[in-house]
Amino acid sequence: MQKNAGKIDRVLRVILGLAVLASAFIGPQTVWGYVGIIPLVTGLIGFCPLYKVIGINTCPLEKKSN
């Protein structure tokens, strides 16, 4: 699995995921708060399946040494 999420993208996903997940415990306490697991996990691993499907890559290209 090749990473397709850049550093800023990953940080934003983790923050958003934690915020949405926190709503399951602090806010209205509905099961919809567990949707926050998706951006949290994709931010932690650096791979987004939806990005793969639509062909987006926010991860900078790594230089290959010869």
N, C-alpha and C. Protein backbone atom coordinates (compact mmCIF):
# COMPACT_ATOMS: atom_id res chain seq x y z
N MET A 1 0.85 -1.17 0.00
CA MET A 1 0.00 0.00 0.00
C MET A 1 0.90 1.23 0.00
N GLN A 2 0.83 2.02 -1.03
CA GLN A 2 1.64 3.22 -1.17
C GLN A 2 0.91 4.41 -0.55
N LYS A 3 1.63 5.24 0.20
CA LYS A 3 1.02 6.40 0.82
C LYS A 3 0.58 7.39 -0.25
N ASN A 4 -0.60 7.97 -0.05
CA ASN A 4 -1.10 8.96 -0.99
C ASN A 4 -1.63 10.21 -0.29
N ALA A 5 -1.33 10.34 1.00
CA ALA A 5 -1.75 11.51 1.76
C ALA A 5 -0.51 12.22 2.29
N GLY A 6 -0.40 13.52 2.02
CA GLY A 6 0.74 14.30 2.46
C GLY A 6 0.67 14.65 3.94
N LYS A 7 1.70 15.30 4.43
CA LYS A 7 1.83 15.60 5.85
C LYS A 7 0.69 16.48 6.36
N ILE A 8 0.40 17.57 5.66
CA ILE A 8 -0.67 18.47 6.10
C ILE A 8 -2.01 17.76 6.04
N ASP A 9 -2.24 17.03 4.99
CA ASP A 9 -3.48 16.26 4.82
C ASP A 9 -3.65 15.28 5.98
N ARG A 10 -2.58 14.60 6.34
CA ARG A 10 -2.63 13.61 7.43
C ARG A 10 -2.92 14.27 8.76
N VAL A 11 -2.27 15.40 9.04
CA VAL A 11 -2.49 16.11 10.31
C VAL A 11 -3.94 16.57 10.41
N LEU A 12 -4.47 17.14 9.33
CA LEU A 12 -5.85 17.59 9.33
C LEU A 12 -6.83 16.43 9.53
N ARG A 13 -6.53 15.30 8.92
CA ARG A 13 -7.40 14.13 9.08
C ARG A 13 -7.41 13.63 10.53
N VAL A 14 -6.24 13.60 11.15
CA VAL A 14 -6.17 13.14 12.54
C VAL A 14 -6.93 14.09 13.46
N ILE A 15 -6.75 15.40 13.26
CA ILE A 15 -7.47 16.37 14.08
C ILE A 15 -8.98 16.25 13.88
N LEU A 16 -9.41 16.17 12.62
CA LEU A 16 -10.83 16.04 12.32
C LEU A 16 -11.39 14.73 12.90
N GLY A 17 -10.65 13.66 12.72
CA GLY A 17 -11.10 12.36 13.23
C GLY A 17 -11.26 12.37 14.74
N LEU A 18 -10.30 12.95 15.45
CA LEU A 18 -10.40 13.03 16.91
C LEU A 18 -11.57 13.90 17.35
N ALA A 19 -11.79 15.02 16.63
CA ALA A 19 -12.89 15.91 16.97
C ALA A 19 -14.24 15.22 16.78
N VAL A 20 -14.40 14.55 15.66
CA VAL A 20 -15.68 13.87 15.40
C VAL A 20 -15.86 12.69 16.36
N LEU A 21 -14.79 11.96 16.62
CA LEU A 21 -14.86 10.84 17.55
C LEU A 21 -15.18 11.32 18.96
N ALA A 22 -14.66 12.47 19.35
CA ALA A 22 -14.94 13.02 20.67
C ALA A 22 -16.43 13.33 20.84
N SER A 23 -17.10 13.67 19.74
CA SER A 23 -18.53 13.96 19.84
C SER A 23 -19.34 12.73 20.24
N ALA A 24 -18.80 11.55 20.01
CA ALA A 24 -19.49 10.33 20.42
C ALA A 24 -19.47 10.16 21.93
N PHE A 25 -18.53 10.83 22.59
CA PHE A 25 -18.40 10.69 24.04
C PHE A 25 -18.81 11.95 24.79
N ILE A 26 -18.57 13.12 24.19
CA ILE A 26 -18.80 14.38 24.89
C ILE A 26 -20.08 15.06 24.44
N GLY A 27 -20.26 15.16 23.13
CA GLY A 27 -21.38 15.91 22.55
C GLY A 27 -22.71 15.19 22.67
N PRO A 28 -23.42 15.10 21.54
CA PRO A 28 -24.76 14.49 21.56
C PRO A 28 -24.75 12.98 21.81
N GLN A 29 -23.58 12.38 21.84
CA GLN A 29 -23.39 10.96 22.15
C GLN A 29 -24.24 10.03 21.27
N THR A 30 -24.08 10.21 19.96
CA THR A 30 -24.73 9.32 19.02
C THR A 30 -23.68 8.43 18.37
N VAL A 31 -24.11 7.37 17.73
CA VAL A 31 -23.18 6.46 17.07
C VAL A 31 -22.52 7.10 15.85
N TRP A 32 -23.08 8.19 15.34
CA TRP A 32 -22.50 8.88 14.19
C TRP A 32 -21.12 9.44 14.52
N GLY A 33 -20.82 9.62 15.78
CA GLY A 33 -19.50 10.11 16.17
C GLY A 33 -18.40 9.13 15.84
N TYR A 34 -18.74 7.86 15.73
CA TYR A 34 -17.74 6.84 15.41
C TYR A 34 -17.28 6.91 13.95
N VAL A 35 -17.93 7.72 13.15
CA VAL A 35 -17.49 7.95 11.77
C VAL A 35 -16.10 8.60 11.79
N GLY A 36 -15.75 9.25 12.89
CA GLY A 36 -14.45 9.88 13.05
C GLY A 36 -13.30 8.91 12.99
N ILE A 37 -13.58 7.63 13.15
CA ILE A 37 -12.53 6.61 13.07
C ILE A 37 -11.93 6.58 11.66
N ILE A 38 -12.74 6.83 10.65
CA ILE A 38 -12.27 6.76 9.25
C ILE A 38 -11.18 7.79 8.97
N PRO A 39 -11.41 9.10 9.19
CA PRO A 39 -10.31 10.03 8.92
C PRO A 39 -9.14 9.85 9.88
N LEU A 40 -9.41 9.40 11.10
CA LEU A 40 -8.32 9.16 12.04
C LEU A 40 -7.39 8.06 11.54
N VAL A 41 -7.94 6.95 11.12
CA VAL A 41 -7.12 5.83 10.64
C VAL A 41 -6.41 6.19 9.34
N THR A 42 -7.12 6.81 8.40
CA THR A 42 -6.48 7.16 7.13
C THR A 42 -5.37 8.19 7.35
N GLY A 43 -5.54 9.07 8.33
CA GLY A 43 -4.49 10.03 8.65
C GLY A 43 -3.29 9.37 9.29
N LEU A 44 -3.52 8.38 10.13
CA LEU A 44 -2.41 7.70 10.81
C LEU A 44 -1.61 6.82 9.86
N ILE A 45 -2.28 6.16 8.92
CA ILE A 45 -1.54 5.27 8.02
C ILE A 45 -1.08 5.97 6.75
N GLY A 46 -1.65 7.14 6.43
CA GLY A 46 -1.21 7.90 5.27
C GLY A 46 -1.76 7.41 3.94
N PHE A 47 -2.79 6.59 3.98
CA PHE A 47 -3.38 6.07 2.76
C PHE A 47 -4.88 6.28 2.80
N CYS A 48 -5.43 6.84 1.72
CA CYS A 48 -6.87 7.04 1.61
C CYS A 48 -7.39 6.25 0.41
N PRO A 49 -8.23 5.25 0.63
CA PRO A 49 -8.76 4.46 -0.48
C PRO A 49 -9.54 5.31 -1.50
N LEU A 50 -10.25 6.32 -1.03
CA LEU A 50 -10.99 7.18 -1.94
C LEU A 50 -10.05 7.96 -2.85
N TYR A 51 -8.93 8.43 -2.31
CA TYR A 51 -7.93 9.11 -3.14
C TYR A 51 -7.42 8.18 -4.23
N LYS A 52 -7.24 6.92 -3.89
CA LYS A 52 -6.75 5.93 -4.86
C LYS A 52 -7.75 5.78 -6.01
N VAL A 53 -9.03 5.71 -5.67
CA VAL A 53 -10.08 5.52 -6.68
C VAL A 53 -10.17 6.70 -7.63
N ILE A 54 -10.09 7.93 -7.09
CA ILE A 54 -10.26 9.09 -7.94
C ILE A 54 -8.93 9.67 -8.43
N GLY A 55 -7.82 9.05 -8.04
CA GLY A 55 -6.52 9.42 -8.60
C GLY A 55 -5.86 10.64 -7.98
N ILE A 56 -6.14 10.93 -6.72
CA ILE A 56 -5.52 12.06 -6.03
C ILE A 56 -4.34 11.56 -5.22
N ASN A 57 -3.28 12.37 -5.19
CA ASN A 57 -2.11 12.04 -4.39
C ASN A 57 -1.55 13.34 -3.84
N THR A 58 -1.68 13.57 -2.52
CA THR A 58 -1.17 14.78 -1.90
C THR A 58 0.20 14.56 -1.26
N CYS A 59 0.71 13.36 -1.37
CA CYS A 59 2.02 13.03 -0.83
C CYS A 59 3.10 13.47 -1.82
N PRO A 60 4.11 14.21 -1.35
CA PRO A 60 5.16 14.63 -2.28
C PRO A 60 5.93 13.43 -2.82
N LEU A 61 6.36 13.56 -4.05
CA LEU A 61 7.10 12.48 -4.69
C LEU A 61 8.49 12.33 -4.05
N GLU A 62 8.89 11.10 -3.80
CA GLU A 62 10.20 10.85 -3.25
C GLU A 62 11.19 10.68 -4.40
N LYS A 63 12.37 11.22 -4.23
CA LYS A 63 13.40 11.09 -5.27
C LYS A 63 13.98 9.69 -5.23
N LYS A 64 14.09 9.09 -6.41
CA LYS A 64 14.67 7.75 -6.52
C LYS A 64 16.16 7.89 -6.82
N SER A 65 16.96 7.18 -6.08
CA SER A 65 18.41 7.22 -6.36
C SER A 65 18.77 6.11 -7.31
N ASN A 66 19.68 6.39 -8.24
CA ASN A 66 20.07 5.40 -9.23
C ASN A 66 21.22 4.57 -8.74
